[in-house]
Protein backbone atom coordinates (compact mmCIF):
# COMPACT_ATOMS: atom_id res chain seq x y z
CA MET A 1 110.27 201.70 152.01
CA PHE A 2 108.29 198.44 151.82
CA LEU A 3 106.73 199.44 148.49
CA GLU A 4 110.17 200.37 147.15
CA LYS A 5 111.47 196.85 147.98
CA ILE A 6 108.52 195.25 146.17
CA VAL A 7 109.15 197.36 143.07
CA GLN A 8 112.88 196.51 143.21
CA SER A 9 112.05 192.82 143.59
CA GLU A 10 109.71 192.84 140.60
CA GLU A 11 112.26 194.75 138.53
CA PHE A 12 115.02 192.30 139.49
CA GLU A 13 112.85 189.32 138.57
CA ALA A 14 111.94 190.88 135.23
CA VAL A 15 115.52 191.60 134.10
CA ALA A 16 117.63 188.94 135.87
CA VAL A 17 115.62 185.74 136.19
CA PRO A 18 115.17 185.15 132.42
CA HIS A 19 118.94 184.45 132.21
CA LEU A 20 118.93 181.70 134.84
CA ASN A 21 119.10 178.75 132.42
CA ASP A 22 121.91 180.27 130.34
CA LEU A 23 123.93 180.97 133.47
CA TYR A 24 123.39 177.44 134.77
CA ARG A 25 124.37 175.77 131.48
CA THR A 26 127.53 177.84 131.27
CA ALA A 27 128.39 177.19 134.92
CA VAL A 28 128.04 173.42 134.37
CA ARG A 29 130.42 173.58 131.41
CA LEU A 30 132.93 175.66 133.37
CA VAL A 31 133.01 173.69 136.64
CA ARG A 32 131.90 170.30 135.25
CA ASP A 33 129.67 169.59 138.23
CA PRO A 34 125.89 170.24 138.14
CA ILE A 35 125.58 170.57 141.92
CA GLU A 36 128.46 173.07 142.16
CA ALA A 37 127.00 174.90 139.15
CA GLN A 38 123.68 175.28 140.98
CA ASP A 39 125.50 176.69 143.99
CA LEU A 40 127.46 179.09 141.80
CA VAL A 41 124.35 180.36 140.02
CA GLN A 42 122.62 180.79 143.35
CA GLN A 43 125.63 182.83 144.52
CA VAL A 44 125.48 184.89 141.30
CA TYR A 45 121.87 185.80 141.95
CA LEU A 46 122.59 186.59 145.59
CA GLN A 47 125.44 188.92 144.56
CA ALA A 48 123.29 190.46 141.83
CA TRP A 49 120.42 191.05 144.26
CA LYS A 50 122.73 192.72 146.77
CA ALA A 51 124.18 194.99 144.08
CA PHE A 52 120.98 195.56 142.11
CA HIS A 53 120.70 199.13 143.39
CA ARG A 54 123.86 199.86 141.34
CA PHE A 55 122.51 198.23 138.17
CA GLU A 56 121.63 200.80 135.53
CA PRO A 57 118.25 200.07 133.87
CA GLY A 58 118.58 199.76 130.11
CA THR A 59 122.08 198.27 130.24
CA ASN A 60 122.87 194.63 129.46
CA CYS A 61 121.77 192.69 132.53
CA ARG A 62 122.79 189.40 130.90
CA ALA A 63 126.40 190.55 130.49
CA TRP A 64 126.37 191.89 134.06
CA LEU A 65 125.19 188.51 135.41
CA PHE A 66 127.77 186.62 133.35
CA LYS A 67 130.53 188.86 134.68
CA ILE A 68 129.41 187.99 138.20
CA LEU A 69 129.37 184.30 137.19
CA ILE A 70 132.92 184.44 135.85
CA ASN A 71 134.09 186.04 139.10
CA GLU A 72 132.28 183.39 141.16
CA VAL A 73 133.83 180.61 139.04
CA HIS A 74 137.28 182.06 139.67
CA HIS A 75 136.59 182.17 143.43
CA TYR A 76 135.26 178.60 143.28
CA ARG A 77 138.42 177.39 141.52
CA ARG A 78 140.66 179.03 144.09
CA ARG A 79 138.73 177.40 146.92
CA TRP A 80 138.69 174.04 145.11
CA PHE A 81 142.42 173.99 144.40
CA ASN A 82 143.22 175.04 147.95
CA SER A 83 141.08 172.30 149.49
CA LYS A 84 141.55 169.49 146.95
CA THR A 85 143.24 166.46 148.41
CA VAL A 86 143.11 162.85 147.25
CA SER A 87 143.43 160.13 149.79
CA GLU A 88 145.98 157.43 149.12
CA GLY A 89 143.25 154.76 148.93
CA GLU A 90 141.37 156.64 146.20
CA GLN A 91 144.57 157.31 144.30
CA SER A 92 145.58 153.63 144.24
CA LEU A 93 142.05 152.66 143.17
CA GLU A 94 142.20 155.12 140.28
CA GLU A 95 145.54 153.70 139.18
CA THR A 96 144.37 150.06 139.18
CA LEU A 97 140.99 150.41 137.45
CA ALA A 98 141.03 150.44 133.67
CA PHE A 99 138.46 152.47 131.79
CA GLU A 100 137.31 151.21 128.42
CA PRO A 101 135.03 153.66 126.61
CA SER A 102 132.49 152.36 124.14
CA VAL A 103 132.81 153.42 120.52
CA PRO A 104 129.69 155.29 119.36
CA GLU A 105 128.25 154.95 115.87
CA VAL A 106 127.90 158.72 115.40
CA LEU A 107 129.33 161.87 116.92
CA GLN A 108 126.93 163.07 119.64
CA ASP A 109 126.49 166.19 121.77
CA GLU A 110 128.25 164.43 124.63
CA ASP A 111 131.28 163.91 122.37
CA VAL A 112 131.39 167.60 121.51
CA LEU A 113 131.07 168.51 125.19
CA ALA A 114 133.79 166.02 126.13
CA ALA A 115 136.10 167.56 123.52
CA LEU A 116 135.25 171.01 124.85
CA ASP A 117 136.13 169.84 128.36
CA GLU A 118 139.62 168.96 127.10
CA VAL A 119 140.24 172.50 125.87
CA PRO A 120 142.18 174.56 128.47
CA ARG A 121 139.98 176.62 130.80
CA GLU A 122 140.88 180.10 129.52
CA PHE A 123 140.03 179.07 125.96
CA ARG A 124 136.89 177.14 127.00
CA GLU A 125 135.52 180.20 128.85
CA VAL A 126 135.84 182.37 125.76
CA ILE A 127 134.35 179.70 123.45
CA LEU A 128 131.34 179.29 125.74
CA LEU A 129 130.78 183.03 126.13
CA CYS A 130 131.13 183.74 122.40
CA ASP A 131 129.84 180.69 120.55
CA VAL A 132 127.24 179.45 123.03
CA GLN A 133 126.11 182.59 124.86
CA GLU A 134 126.76 184.89 121.86
CA PHE A 135 128.43 187.75 123.72
CA SER A 136 130.51 190.23 121.71
CA TYR A 137 134.30 190.35 122.01
CA LYS A 138 133.99 193.60 123.93
CA GLU A 139 131.50 192.15 126.42
CA ILE A 140 133.66 189.05 126.93
CA GLY A 141 136.73 191.21 127.47
CA GLU A 142 134.89 193.22 130.12
CA MET A 143 133.65 190.06 131.85
CA LEU A 144 137.08 188.45 131.95
CA GLY A 145 139.02 191.66 132.51
CA VAL A 146 141.20 191.18 129.41
CA PRO A 147 141.69 193.21 126.21
CA VAL A 148 139.58 192.42 123.13
CA GLY A 149 142.72 191.19 121.34
CA THR A 150 143.25 188.60 124.06
CA VAL A 151 139.63 187.47 123.68
CA MET A 152 140.13 187.08 119.92
CA SER A 153 143.38 185.20 120.40
CA ARG A 154 141.93 182.82 123.00
CA LEU A 155 138.87 182.22 120.86
CA SER A 156 140.94 181.45 117.78
CA ARG A 157 143.30 179.14 119.64
CA GLY A 158 140.44 177.45 121.52
CA ARG A 159 138.41 176.85 118.35
CA LYS A 160 141.47 175.40 116.63
CA GLN A 161 142.08 172.99 119.52
CA LEU A 162 138.41 172.02 119.54
CA ARG A 163 138.42 171.41 115.76
CA VAL A 164 141.50 169.21 116.04
CA LYS A 165 140.05 167.21 118.96
CA LEU A 166 136.74 166.70 117.15
CA ALA A 167 138.44 165.81 113.85
CA GLU A 168 140.65 163.23 115.61
CA TYR A 169 137.66 161.80 117.44
CA ALA A 170 135.47 161.71 114.34
CA SER A 171 138.21 160.14 112.25
CA ALA A 172 138.94 157.49 114.88
CA ASN A 173 135.24 156.59 115.00
CA GLY A 174 134.59 156.74 111.25
CA VAL A 175 132.46 159.86 111.39
CA GLY A 176 132.86 162.24 108.44
CA ASN A 177 135.90 163.02 106.31
CA ARG A 178 136.48 166.68 107.18
CA SER A 179 139.89 167.99 108.01
CA PRO A 180 140.51 169.88 111.27
CA GLU A 181 140.94 173.10 109.30
CA VAL A 182 137.25 174.07 109.08
CA ASP A 183 136.15 177.64 108.47
CA SER A 184 135.48 179.54 111.68
CA TYR A 185 133.13 182.39 112.37
CA ALA A 186 133.39 185.36 114.67
CA CYS A 187 131.26 186.91 117.38
CA ALA A 188 129.51 190.19 116.73
């Protein structure tokens, strides 16, 4: 029994741990909080460890872990929305302080990420899973529990919104002359 646990532990480390950084980066983009993202990824690995006896060797462990992540993010959002309250003092402070962003000389990664943050959640999830994590439409559909056609639709609509936001931002800051209608590419 003890030897079996050691073998299972080594096997888990070999197939699951290499995906830790990808899971964390995606979690940060989805929940917009590095500390919460760490907690979510920790929860993903805990859930994966508990269910590892059901994992079939040779299948896509990365997709399996991302499916667990998506489920954990959905649970996190439910808990967050149910417990989110803003005190009156904080609300009045937010209303009285003016924010003046600086105007950068060039479009930077932070600008792209900020534009991505403005894209609605269901589109942002699909963009991250397809364009950043390079999952196929089928894998994304399985992770999110939606048909492949829905994945394609959300990806198309999300990319269009992102292109428009980046084109507006770039134009306002004198970066490039491209129109928002830029050729898109598809996941495998």
